[in-house]
């Protein structure tokens, strides 16, 4: 199986989905003239900032009477991102392939909104994929221009995704991919869902084709957990994919939010 996703430049130790085109970011060491990479994971301004910018919409179903558990919502959002990345419609000459390429040629942005009742029914009627967890439902859509959201998605609220876990999640299976969240960065559930999606995407891009196929065929098993504070420095220095947020909302720019710990990416 192949992917249309661009292979990232591996020279930085961390990568940055949602890296903002802003002078507040320090410039990195430039590459040799004529060979400067253009990666969505660099925090300095690159040609990707000049491309039309897109966003991947995700909508979480949050009914008042039965909201999903927070961890399940994060895991379901991450699987939703992986599902659209690997969907036939997003690859090759598929109907979503061009907009997926356009999105990945620019900065990688994701926005999570919430819906309930009739809002959810209208959201489900739009082209996309609904992924179901134990208690969560998340629908992911082909990328849209930053200022070109479909009306039925644009009217949905970003706020109101404060979710809780009714009981602490179990320790993750060491044989299953884990998206480790930064224990020192507080985020709303919606923000954390987007960050989990970033982490899953970074893992997907770094995997070999056989490893991607195996993960997809298994149904994208994964866990999202908050890392123990004592282990976070080790994780960020491990060589595993690290999400560094652009700071558009909620948290400071450059914050490391997620480490994508896939067994196939661990160093021997």
Protein backbone atom coordinates (compact mmCIF):
# COMPACT_ATOMS: atom_id res chain seq x y z
CA UNK A 1 0.00 0.00 0.00
CA UNK A 2 1.27 3.46 -0.85
CA UNK A 3 0.26 6.87 0.39
CA UNK A 4 -0.03 10.30 -1.17
CA UNK A 5 1.31 11.87 2.03
CA UNK A 6 4.66 13.59 1.54
CA UNK A 7 7.50 11.91 3.36
CA UNK A 8 8.76 14.30 6.03
CA UNK A 9 12.30 15.58 6.25
CA UNK A 10 13.91 13.79 9.20
CA UNK A 11 16.52 16.40 10.10
CA UNK A 12 14.52 18.09 12.90
CA UNK A 13 14.04 16.14 16.11
CA UNK A 14 10.45 17.31 16.41
CA UNK A 15 7.78 18.12 13.86
CA UNK A 16 5.01 20.68 13.83
CA UNK A 17 1.56 20.08 12.39
CA UNK A 18 -0.31 23.36 12.44
CA UNK A 19 2.95 25.33 12.37
CA UNK A 20 1.85 28.92 11.88
CA UNK A 21 3.34 31.23 9.26
CA UNK A 22 4.51 33.76 11.80
CA UNK A 23 7.65 35.69 12.65
CA UNK A 24 7.29 34.67 16.28
CA UNK A 25 8.99 31.40 15.33
CA UNK A 26 12.75 31.36 15.44
CA UNK A 27 14.41 30.54 12.16
CA UNK A 28 16.14 27.18 11.99
CA UNK A 29 19.53 26.58 10.44
CA UNK A 30 19.03 26.91 6.70
CA UNK A 31 19.82 24.05 4.38
CA UNK A 32 22.26 24.49 1.52
CA UNK A 33 21.07 26.83 -1.21
CA UNK A 34 18.89 25.00 -3.68
CA UNK A 35 18.17 22.11 -1.30
CA UNK A 36 16.04 23.71 1.39
CA UNK A 37 13.33 21.21 2.38
CA UNK A 38 9.69 22.22 2.53
CA UNK A 39 8.19 20.21 5.35
CA UNK A 40 4.94 20.71 7.26
CA UNK A 41 6.87 19.80 10.38
CA UNK A 42 9.28 22.74 10.48
CA UNK A 43 8.43 25.71 12.66
CA UNK A 44 10.15 28.30 10.48
CA UNK A 45 8.41 29.77 7.46
CA UNK A 46 8.66 27.57 4.35
CA UNK A 47 7.08 27.53 0.87
CA UNK A 48 4.24 25.53 2.45
CA UNK A 49 3.06 28.78 4.03
CA UNK A 50 2.58 30.29 0.56
CA UNK A 51 0.31 27.45 -0.58
CA UNK A 52 -3.49 27.66 -0.12
CA UNK A 53 -4.25 26.56 3.42
CA UNK A 54 -6.75 23.82 4.26
CA UNK A 55 -8.14 22.26 7.42
CA UNK A 56 -9.29 18.71 8.17
CA UNK A 57 -12.70 18.93 9.90
CA UNK A 58 -13.68 16.44 12.56
CA UNK A 59 -17.07 16.46 14.27
CA UNK A 60 -17.64 14.68 17.56
CA UNK A 61 -21.13 13.58 18.52
CA UNK A 62 -21.74 14.88 22.04
CA UNK A 63 -25.31 14.36 23.21
CA UNK A 64 -26.26 16.06 26.46
CA UNK A 65 -27.69 12.89 28.00
CA UNK A 66 -24.86 10.57 26.99
CA UNK A 67 -21.55 12.29 26.25
CA UNK A 68 -18.64 10.02 25.32
CA UNK A 69 -15.76 9.28 27.65
CA UNK A 70 -12.83 11.64 27.07
CA UNK A 71 -10.19 9.00 26.36
CA UNK A 72 -12.48 7.12 24.00
CA UNK A 73 -13.18 10.37 22.13
CA UNK A 74 -9.46 11.04 21.74
CA UNK A 75 -8.78 7.52 20.51
CA UNK A 76 -11.72 7.61 18.10
CA UNK A 77 -10.56 10.94 16.65
CA UNK A 78 -7.08 9.53 16.08
CA UNK A 79 -8.51 6.48 14.32
CA UNK A 80 -10.72 8.76 12.21
CA UNK A 81 -7.66 10.61 10.93
CA UNK A 82 -5.93 7.33 10.09
CA UNK A 83 -9.07 6.06 8.39
CA UNK A 84 -9.30 8.98 5.97
CA UNK A 85 -5.55 8.93 5.30
CA UNK A 86 -5.81 5.31 4.19
CA UNK A 87 -9.21 5.48 2.45
CA UNK A 88 -9.21 4.63 -1.27
CA UNK A 89 -11.00 7.90 -2.01
CA UNK A 90 -8.02 9.80 -0.53
CA UNK A 91 -5.38 7.94 -2.57
CA UNK A 92 -4.25 7.86 -6.18
CA UNK A 93 -7.02 9.21 -8.39
CA UNK A 94 -9.72 8.95 -5.71
CA UNK A 95 -12.36 11.67 -5.43
CA UNK A 96 -10.72 13.16 -2.33
CA UNK A 97 -7.12 12.61 -3.41
CA UNK A 98 -6.41 16.08 -4.81
CA UNK A 99 -7.74 17.98 -1.79
CA UNK A 100 -5.87 15.60 0.52
CA UNK A 101 -2.68 16.40 -1.39
CA UNK A 102 -3.41 20.12 -1.26
CA UNK A 103 -3.96 19.91 2.49
CA UNK A 104 -0.74 17.99 3.06
CA UNK A 105 1.24 20.31 0.78
CA UNK A 106 0.43 23.19 3.14
CA UNK A 107 0.44 23.27 6.95
CA UNK A 108 -1.35 20.41 8.66
CA UNK A 109 -4.40 21.75 10.48
CA UNK A 110 -7.28 19.94 12.16
CA UNK A 111 -10.34 21.42 13.88
CA UNK A 112 -12.78 19.48 16.05
CA UNK A 113 -16.37 20.69 16.42
CA UNK A 114 -19.27 19.16 18.31
CA UNK A 115 -22.77 18.23 17.21
CA UNK A 116 -25.88 16.69 18.74
CA UNK A 117 -29.38 15.79 17.63
CA UNK A 118 -30.36 17.40 14.34
CA UNK A 119 -26.91 18.98 14.03
CA UNK A 120 -25.34 15.53 14.00
CA UNK A 121 -27.84 14.24 11.45
CA UNK A 122 -27.03 17.14 9.12
CA UNK A 123 -23.31 16.58 9.66
CA UNK A 124 -23.68 12.89 8.83
CA UNK A 125 -25.36 13.75 5.53
CA UNK A 126 -22.18 15.43 4.25
CA UNK A 127 -19.48 13.34 2.51
CA UNK A 128 -17.16 11.89 5.12
CA UNK A 129 -16.46 8.86 7.30
CA UNK A 130 -17.92 8.13 10.73
CA UNK A 131 -15.69 6.18 13.11
CA UNK A 132 -17.24 4.67 16.22
CA UNK A 133 -15.49 3.86 19.48
CA UNK A 134 -16.84 2.36 22.70
CA UNK A 135 -18.89 5.44 23.50
CA UNK A 136 -17.70 8.01 20.96
CA UNK A 137 -18.66 8.82 17.38
CA UNK A 138 -16.40 11.05 15.29
CA UNK A 139 -16.98 11.96 11.67
CA UNK A 140 -14.02 13.10 9.56
CA UNK A 141 -14.35 14.99 6.29
CA UNK A 142 -12.12 15.73 3.33
CA UNK A 143 -10.12 18.92 3.93
CA UNK A 144 -11.76 22.26 3.24
CA UNK A 145 -10.28 25.75 2.72
CA UNK A 146 -9.79 27.69 5.95
CA UNK A 147 -12.56 30.08 4.93
CA UNK A 148 -14.64 27.56 2.98
CA UNK A 149 -16.38 25.35 5.53
CA UNK A 150 -19.70 23.80 4.47
CA UNK A 151 -22.58 25.68 6.10
CA UNK A 152 -23.72 22.75 8.22
CA UNK A 153 -20.20 22.37 9.66
CA UNK A 154 -19.39 26.07 9.96
CA UNK A 155 -22.34 26.63 12.29
CA UNK A 156 -21.17 23.96 14.75
CA UNK A 157 -19.48 25.02 17.97
CA UNK A 158 -15.83 24.39 18.76
CA UNK A 159 -16.36 24.94 22.48
CA UNK A 160 -18.34 22.57 24.67
CA UNK A 161 -16.11 19.55 24.24
CA UNK A 162 -15.13 19.27 27.91
CA UNK A 163 -15.37 15.54 28.55
CA UNK A 164 -14.43 13.31 31.46
CA UNK A 165 -13.50 9.69 31.94
CA UNK A 166 -15.95 7.96 34.30
CA UNK A 167 -13.03 5.88 35.57
CA UNK A 168 -9.27 6.03 34.98
CA UNK A 169 -8.24 4.32 31.74
CA UNK A 170 -6.31 1.08 32.05
CA UNK A 171 -2.61 0.86 31.36
CA UNK A 172 -2.06 0.49 27.61
CA UNK A 173 -1.02 -2.78 26.03
CA UNK A 174 2.74 -2.45 25.30
CA UNK A 175 2.21 -4.13 21.92
CA UNK A 176 -0.32 -1.48 20.85
CA UNK A 177 0.57 2.00 19.54
CA UNK A 178 0.23 4.65 22.23
CA UNK A 179 -0.21 8.38 21.73
CA UNK A 180 1.33 9.87 24.87
CA UNK A 181 -0.06 13.27 25.88
CA UNK A 182 2.06 15.87 27.63
CA UNK A 183 1.22 15.71 31.37
CA UNK A 184 2.04 19.40 31.84
CA UNK A 185 -0.21 20.87 29.10
CA UNK A 186 -3.91 21.20 29.83
CA UNK A 187 -6.26 21.07 26.85
CA UNK A 188 -9.97 20.87 26.21
CA UNK A 189 -11.14 17.53 24.84
CA UNK A 190 -11.59 19.07 21.38
CA UNK A 191 -8.05 20.41 21.32
CA UNK A 192 -6.69 17.12 22.63
CA UNK A 193 -8.62 15.21 19.94
CA UNK A 194 -6.92 17.29 17.25
CA UNK A 195 -3.52 16.73 18.85
CA UNK A 196 -4.12 12.97 19.05
CA UNK A 197 -4.99 13.10 15.35
CA UNK A 198 -1.69 14.87 14.64
CA UNK A 199 0.21 12.20 16.55
CA UNK A 200 -1.51 9.39 14.68
CA UNK A 201 -0.73 11.08 11.35
CA UNK A 202 2.95 11.46 12.22
CA UNK A 203 3.16 7.79 13.12
CA UNK A 204 1.42 6.86 9.85
CA UNK A 205 3.83 8.92 7.77
CA UNK A 206 6.89 7.40 9.46
CA UNK A 207 5.79 3.77 9.10
CA UNK A 208 6.90 1.48 6.30
CA UNK A 209 4.27 0.36 3.78
CA UNK A 210 3.98 -3.14 5.33
CA UNK A 211 3.57 -1.66 8.81
CA UNK A 212 0.86 0.71 7.57
CA UNK A 213 -0.98 -2.16 5.94
CA UNK A 214 -0.80 -4.27 9.09
CA UNK A 215 -2.08 -1.40 11.24
CA UNK A 216 -4.92 -0.64 8.85
CA UNK A 217 -5.94 -4.28 8.49
CA UNK A 218 -6.05 -4.63 12.29
CA UNK A 219 -8.50 -1.71 12.50
CA UNK A 220 -5.99 0.87 13.75
CA UNK A 221 -5.73 -0.28 17.37
CA UNK A 222 -4.24 2.45 19.56
CA UNK A 223 -4.38 4.00 22.99
CA UNK A 224 -4.22 7.62 24.10
CA UNK A 225 -2.80 8.16 27.56
CA UNK A 226 -1.30 10.99 29.59
CA UNK A 227 2.37 10.24 30.04
CA UNK A 228 3.79 9.95 33.56
CA UNK A 229 5.59 13.22 34.29
CA UNK A 230 8.78 11.34 35.07
CA UNK A 231 8.76 9.65 31.66
CA UNK A 232 7.91 12.63 29.45
CA UNK A 233 11.51 13.87 28.95
CA UNK A 234 12.57 10.37 27.94
CA UNK A 235 9.71 10.09 25.44
CA UNK A 236 10.43 13.43 23.77
CA UNK A 237 14.10 12.48 23.38
CA UNK A 238 13.42 8.95 22.15
CA UNK A 239 13.41 9.68 18.42
CA UNK A 240 9.70 8.88 18.15
CA UNK A 241 7.46 11.38 16.30
CA UNK A 242 6.67 14.42 18.44
CA UNK A 243 3.86 16.92 17.82
CA UNK A 244 4.88 20.53 18.41
CA UNK A 245 1.80 22.76 18.34
CA UNK A 246 1.66 26.08 16.52
CA UNK A 247 -0.16 27.79 19.38
CA UNK A 248 -3.19 28.96 17.39
CA UNK A 249 -5.49 28.10 20.32
CA UNK A 250 -5.29 27.28 24.01
CA UNK A 251 -1.57 26.55 24.43
CA UNK A 252 1.74 28.30 23.89
CA UNK A 253 3.33 28.04 20.43
CA UNK A 254 5.99 25.38 20.19
CA UNK A 255 4.53 23.24 22.98
CA UNK A 256 5.24 19.53 22.63
CA UNK A 257 1.84 17.91 23.02
CA UNK A 258 2.02 14.28 21.85
CA UNK A 259 4.63 11.55 21.34
CA UNK A 260 3.52 8.85 18.89
CA UNK A 261 4.84 5.58 20.28
CA UNK A 262 4.22 2.92 17.63
CA UNK A 263 6.07 -0.38 18.27
CA UNK A 264 7.31 -0.41 14.67
CA UNK A 265 9.00 2.97 15.21
CA UNK A 266 10.79 2.15 18.44
CA UNK A 267 14.54 2.00 18.28
CA UNK A 268 16.09 -1.38 18.98
